[in-house]
Amino acid sequence: MLDRFDMLMFAVAGYVAIVTLVRLMITRRDEVVSYLRTDLERQAAAAAAEEHDDERDAA
């Protein structure tokens, strides 16, 4: 049977596992947001450069 100590150890292990998982998820989310932000900025810069080239060719 499980006594009080075993239940306490399960609770502590569960808490550590959940906190670790949440930290990993937050880190991964920040990486994905950073990647997407960089990609969007790169696309916007390319679109602006293309628009600028189109204006120069029209003149």
PDB file of N, CA and C in Angstrom:
ATOM      1  N   MET A   1       0.831  -1.186   0.000  1.00  0.00           N
ATOM      2  CA  MET A   1       0.000   0.000   0.000  1.00  0.00           C
ATOM      3  C   MET A   1       0.877   1.253   0.000  1.00  0.00           C
ATOM      4  N   LEU A   2       0.300   2.316  -0.448  1.00  0.00           N
ATOM      5  CA  LEU A   2       0.999   3.590  -0.474  1.00  0.00           C
ATOM      6  C   LEU A   2       0.777   4.327   0.844  1.00  0.00           C
ATOM      7  N   ASP A   3       1.866   4.752   1.416  1.00  0.00           N
ATOM      8  CA  ASP A   3       1.723   5.534   2.644  1.00  0.00           C
ATOM      9  C   ASP A   3       1.881   7.019   2.323  1.00  0.00           C
ATOM     10  N   ARG A   4       1.890   7.822   3.344  1.00  0.00           N
ATOM     11  CA  ARG A   4       1.933   9.278   3.187  1.00  0.00           C
ATOM     12  C   ARG A   4       3.213   9.730   2.469  1.00  0.00           C
ATOM     13  N   PHE A   5       4.358   9.107   2.784  1.00  0.00           N
ATOM     14  CA  PHE A   5       5.620   9.463   2.153  1.00  0.00           C
ATOM     15  C   PHE A   5       5.583   9.199   0.648  1.00  0.00           C
ATOM     16  N   ASP A   6       5.029   8.060   0.239  1.00  0.00           N
ATOM     17  CA  ASP A   6       4.931   7.740  -1.190  1.00  0.00           C
ATOM     18  C   ASP A   6       4.062   8.758  -1.924  1.00  0.00           C
ATOM     19  N   MET A   7       2.960   9.128  -1.329  1.00  0.00           N
ATOM     20  CA  MET A   7       2.080  10.112  -1.962  1.00  0.00           C
ATOM     21  C   MET A   7       2.776  11.463  -2.078  1.00  0.00           C
ATOM     22  N   LEU A   8       3.535  11.842  -1.043  1.00  0.00           N
ATOM     23  CA  LEU A   8       4.279  13.094  -1.085  1.00  0.00           C
ATOM     24  C   LEU A   8       5.333  13.057  -2.192  1.00  0.00           C
ATOM     25  N   MET A   9       6.013  11.953  -2.343  1.00  0.00           N
ATOM     26  CA  MET A   9       7.019  11.818  -3.397  1.00  0.00           C
ATOM     27  C   MET A   9       6.371  11.890  -4.782  1.00  0.00           C
ATOM     28  N   PHE A  10       5.211  11.285  -4.976  1.00  0.00           N
ATOM     29  CA  PHE A  10       4.492  11.380  -6.247  1.00  0.00           C
ATOM     30  C   PHE A  10       4.085  12.823  -6.539  1.00  0.00           C
ATOM     31  N   ALA A  11       3.643  13.505  -5.518  1.00  0.00           N
ATOM     32  CA  ALA A  11       3.232  14.897  -5.695  1.00  0.00           C
ATOM     33  C   ALA A  11       4.427  15.769  -6.075  1.00  0.00           C
ATOM     34  N   VAL A  12       5.544  15.586  -5.405  1.00  0.00           N
ATOM     35  CA  VAL A  12       6.740  16.368  -5.715  1.00  0.00           C
ATOM     36  C   VAL A  12       7.237  16.045  -7.124  1.00  0.00           C
ATOM     37  N   ALA A  13       7.269  14.777  -7.496  1.00  0.00           N
ATOM     38  CA  ALA A  13       7.721  14.386  -8.827  1.00  0.00           C
ATOM     39  C   ALA A  13       6.786  14.949  -9.897  1.00  0.00           C
ATOM     40  N   GLY A  14       5.495  14.921  -9.642  1.00  0.00           N
ATOM     41  CA  GLY A  14       4.534  15.478 -10.586  1.00  0.00           C
ATOM     42  C   GLY A  14       4.713  16.975 -10.745  1.00  0.00           C
ATOM     43  N   TYR A  15       4.933  17.663  -9.650  1.00  0.00           N
ATOM     44  CA  TYR A  15       5.147  19.107  -9.690  1.00  0.00           C
ATOM     45  C   TYR A  15       6.399  19.442 -10.491  1.00  0.00           C
ATOM     46  N   VAL A  16       7.478  18.737 -10.231  1.00  0.00           N
ATOM     47  CA  VAL A  16       8.730  18.984 -10.955  1.00  0.00           C
ATOM     48  C   VAL A  16       8.534  18.708 -12.441  1.00  0.00           C
ATOM     49  N   ALA A  17       7.844  17.635 -12.786  1.00  0.00           N
ATOM     50  CA  ALA A  17       7.618  17.295 -14.187  1.00  0.00           C
ATOM     51  C   ALA A  17       6.789  18.375 -14.883  1.00  0.00           C
ATOM     52  N   ILE A  18       5.756  18.849 -14.244  1.00  0.00           N
ATOM     53  CA  ILE A  18       4.892  19.866 -14.855  1.00  0.00           C
ATOM     54  C   ILE A  18       5.646  21.182 -15.015  1.00  0.00           C
ATOM     55  N   VAL A  19       6.380  21.600 -14.000  1.00  0.00           N
ATOM     56  CA  VAL A  19       7.132  22.856 -14.082  1.00  0.00           C
ATOM     57  C   VAL A  19       8.182  22.770 -15.186  1.00  0.00           C
ATOM     58  N   THR A  20       8.868  21.643 -15.291  1.00  0.00           N
ATOM     59  CA  THR A  20       9.867  21.458 -16.345  1.00  0.00           C
ATOM     60  C   THR A  20       9.219  21.511 -17.718  1.00  0.00           C
ATOM     61  N   LEU A  21       8.102  20.844 -17.894  1.00  0.00           N
ATOM     62  CA  LEU A  21       7.410  20.847 -19.176  1.00  0.00           C
ATOM     63  C   LEU A  21       6.950  22.248 -19.555  1.00  0.00           C
ATOM     64  N   VAL A  22       6.420  22.979 -18.617  1.00  0.00           N
ATOM     65  CA  VAL A  22       5.960  24.343 -18.900  1.00  0.00           C
ATOM     66  C   VAL A  22       7.138  25.230 -19.305  1.00  0.00           C
ATOM     67  N   ARG A  23       8.258  25.107 -18.624  1.00  0.00           N
ATOM     68  CA  ARG A  23       9.436  25.909 -18.987  1.00  0.00           C
ATOM     69  C   ARG A  23       9.923  25.566 -20.388  1.00  0.00           C
ATOM     70  N   LEU A  24       9.941  24.279 -20.722  1.00  0.00           N
ATOM     71  CA  LEU A  24      10.344  23.870 -22.067  1.00  0.00           C
ATOM     72  C   LEU A  24       9.390  24.428 -23.121  1.00  0.00           C
ATOM     73  N   MET A  25       8.090  24.389 -22.836  1.00  0.00           N
ATOM     74  CA  MET A  25       7.099  24.897 -23.779  1.00  0.00           C
ATOM     75  C   MET A  25       7.243  26.408 -23.966  1.00  0.00           C
ATOM     76  N   ILE A  26       7.514  27.133 -22.898  1.00  0.00           N
ATOM     77  CA  ILE A  26       7.686  28.586 -22.998  1.00  0.00           C
ATOM     78  C   ILE A  26       8.921  28.904 -23.828  1.00  0.00           C
ATOM     79  N   THR A  27      10.006  28.183 -23.601  1.00  0.00           N
ATOM     80  CA  THR A  27      11.225  28.401 -24.378  1.00  0.00           C
ATOM     81  C   THR A  27      10.984  28.132 -25.854  1.00  0.00           C
ATOM     82  N   ARG A  28      10.298  27.043 -26.160  1.00  0.00           N
ATOM     83  CA  ARG A  28      10.020  26.703 -27.555  1.00  0.00           C
ATOM     84  C   ARG A  28       9.098  27.738 -28.188  1.00  0.00           C
ATOM     85  N   ARG A  29       8.104  28.211 -27.447  1.00  0.00           N
ATOM     86  CA  ARG A  29       7.210  29.236 -27.963  1.00  0.00           C
ATOM     87  C   ARG A  29       7.980  30.500 -28.309  1.00  0.00           C
ATOM     88  N   ASP A  30       8.898  30.893 -27.437  1.00  0.00           N
ATOM     89  CA  ASP A  30       9.700  32.086 -27.700  1.00  0.00           C
ATOM     90  C   ASP A  30      10.567  31.902 -28.944  1.00  0.00           C
ATOM     91  N   GLU A  31      11.112  30.702 -29.136  1.00  0.00           N
ATOM     92  CA  GLU A  31      11.907  30.433 -30.333  1.00  0.00           C
ATOM     93  C   GLU A  31      11.060  30.544 -31.596  1.00  0.00           C
ATOM     94  N   VAL A  32       9.865  29.978 -31.569  1.00  0.00           N
ATOM     95  CA  VAL A  32       8.991  30.005 -32.741  1.00  0.00           C
ATOM     96  C   VAL A  32       8.545  31.439 -33.037  1.00  0.00           C
ATOM     97  N   VAL A  33       8.193  32.187 -32.016  1.00  0.00           N
ATOM     98  CA  VAL A  33       7.778  33.584 -32.215  1.00  0.00           C
ATOM     99  C   VAL A  33       8.928  34.393 -32.798  1.00  0.00           C
ATOM    100  N   SER A  34      10.127  34.186 -32.295  1.00  0.00           N
ATOM    101  CA  SER A  34      11.291  34.902 -32.813  1.00  0.00           C
ATOM    102  C   SER A  34      11.540  34.543 -34.274  1.00  0.00           C
ATOM    103  N   TYR A  35      11.443  33.273 -34.606  1.00  0.00           N
ATOM    104  CA  TYR A  35      11.639  32.837 -35.991  1.00  0.00           C
ATOM    105  C   TYR A  35      10.585  33.454 -36.909  1.00  0.00           C
ATOM    106  N   LEU A  36       9.333  33.411 -36.488  1.00  0.00           N
ATOM    107  CA  LEU A  36       8.273  33.960 -37.320  1.00  0.00           C
ATOM    108  C   LEU A  36       8.401  35.474 -37.474  1.00  0.00           C
ATOM    109  N   ARG A  37       8.765  36.168 -36.411  1.00  0.00           N
ATOM    110  CA  ARG A  37       8.949  37.620 -36.478  1.00  0.00           C
ATOM    111  C   ARG A  37      10.074  37.961 -37.461  1.00  0.00           C
ATOM    112  N   THR A  38      11.184  37.245 -37.386  1.00  0.00           N
ATOM    113  CA  THR A  38      12.301  37.465 -38.302  1.00  0.00           C
ATOM    114  C   THR A  38      11.893  37.184 -39.742  1.00  0.00           C
ATOM    115  N   ASP A  39      11.151  36.107 -39.941  1.00  0.00           N
ATOM    116  CA  ASP A  39      10.707  35.753 -41.288  1.00  0.00           C
ATOM    117  C   ASP A  39       9.762  36.810 -41.847  1.00  0.00           C
ATOM    118  N   LEU A  40       8.847  37.305 -41.031  1.00  0.00           N
ATOM    119  CA  LEU A  40       7.930  38.349 -41.498  1.00  0.00           C
ATOM    120  C   LEU A  40       8.669  39.640 -41.823  1.00  0.00           C
ATOM    121  N   GLU A  41       9.651  39.999 -40.996  1.00  0.00           N
ATOM    122  CA  GLU A  41      10.442  41.196 -41.280  1.00  0.00           C
ATOM    123  C   GLU A  41      11.220  41.036 -42.582  1.00  0.00           C
ATOM    124  N   ARG A  42      11.757  39.845 -42.823  1.00  0.00           N
ATOM    125  CA  ARG A  42      12.491  39.586 -44.054  1.00  0.00           C
ATOM    126  C   ARG A  42      11.564  39.685 -45.267  1.00  0.00           C
ATOM    127  N   GLN A  43      10.359  39.142 -45.141  1.00  0.00           N
ATOM    128  CA  GLN A  43       9.398  39.216 -46.239  1.00  0.00           C
ATOM    129  C   GLN A  43       8.970  40.658 -46.494  1.00  0.00           C
ATOM    130  N   ALA A  44       8.773  41.417 -45.434  1.00  0.00           N
ATOM    131  CA  ALA A  44       8.374  42.825 -45.600  1.00  0.00           C
ATOM    132  C   ALA A  44       9.493  43.617 -46.267  1.00  0.00           C
ATOM    133  N   ALA A  45      10.735  43.355 -45.884  1.00  0.00           N
ATOM    134  CA  ALA A  45      11.860  44.056 -46.495  1.00  0.00           C
ATOM    135  C   ALA A  45      11.983  43.686 -47.967  1.00  0.00           C
ATOM    136  N   ALA A  46      11.776  42.421 -48.289  1.00  0.00           N
ATOM    137  CA  ALA A  46      11.850  41.990 -49.688  1.00  0.00           C
ATOM    138  C   ALA A  46      10.731  42.626 -50.499  1.00  0.00           C
ATOM    139  N   ALA A  47       9.538  42.713 -49.933  1.00  0.00           N
ATOM    140  CA  ALA A  47       8.410  43.331 -50.641  1.00  0.00           C
ATOM    141  C   ALA A  47       8.667  44.820 -50.842  1.00  0.00           C
ATOM    142  N   ALA A  48       9.233  45.481 -49.844  1.00  0.00           N
ATOM    143  CA  ALA A  48       9.525  46.904 -49.972  1.00  0.00           C
ATOM    144  C   ALA A  48      10.613  47.131 -51.023  1.00  0.00           C
ATOM    145  N   ALA A  49      11.616  46.273 -51.042  1.00  0.00           N
ATOM    146  CA  ALA A  49      12.682  46.406 -52.036  1.00  0.00           C
ATOM    147  C   ALA A  49      12.136  46.160 -53.436  1.00  0.00           C
ATOM    148  N   GLU A  50      11.256  45.194 -53.569  1.00  0.00           N
ATOM    149  CA  GLU A  50      10.654  44.906 -54.868  1.00  0.00           C
ATOM    150  C   GLU A  50       9.789  46.079 -55.329  1.00  0.00           C
ATOM    151  N   GLU A  51       9.041  46.660 -54.403  1.00  0.00           N
ATOM    152  CA  GLU A  51       8.208  47.816 -54.744  1.00  0.00           C
ATOM    153  C   GLU A  51       9.085  49.001 -55.158  1.00  0.00           C
ATOM    154  N   HIS A  52      10.179  49.181 -54.463  1.00  0.00           N
ATOM    155  CA  HIS A  52      11.104  50.260 -54.790  1.00  0.00           C
ATOM    156  C   HIS A  52      11.718  50.038 -56.182  1.00  0.00           C
ATOM    157  N   ASP A  53      12.069  48.791 -56.496  1.00  0.00           N
ATOM    158  CA  ASP A  53      12.621  48.474 -57.815  1.00  0.00           C
ATOM    159  C   ASP A  53      11.589  48.710 -58.910  1.00  0.00           C
ATOM    160  N   ASP A  54      10.318  48.373 -58.631  1.00  0.00           N
ATOM    161  CA  ASP A  54       9.250  48.598 -59.605  1.00  0.00           C
ATOM    162  C   ASP A  54       9.063  50.089 -59.890  1.00  0.00           C
ATOM    163  N   GLU A  55       9.153  50.906 -58.835  1.00  0.00           N
ATOM    164  CA  GLU A  55       9.011  52.362 -59.010  1.00  0.00           C
ATOM    165  C   GLU A  55      10.167  52.919 -59.825  1.00  0.00           C
ATOM    166  N   ARG A  56      11.359  52.402 -59.604  1.00  0.00           N
ATOM    167  CA  ARG A  56      12.544  52.882 -60.315  1.00  0.00           C
ATOM    168  C   ARG A  56      12.466  52.462 -61.797  1.00  0.00           C
ATOM    169  N   ASP A  57      11.955  51.252 -62.068  1.00  0.00           N
ATOM    170  CA  ASP A  57      11.829  50.789 -63.447  1.00  0.00           C
ATOM    171  C   ASP A  57      10.764  51.577 -64.201  1.00  0.00           C
ATOM    172  N   ALA A  58       9.712  52.021 -63.517  1.00  0.00           N
ATOM    173  CA  ALA A  58       8.640  52.773 -64.165  1.00  0.00           C
ATOM    174  C   ALA A  58       9.090  54.172 -64.555  1.00  0.00           C
ATOM    175  N   ALA A  59      10.057  54.705 -63.864  1.00  0.00           N
ATOM    176  CA  ALA A  59      10.506  56.079 -64.136  1.00  0.00           C
ATOM    177  C   ALA A  59      11.460  56.168 -65.282  1.00  0.00           C
TER     178      ALA A  59
END
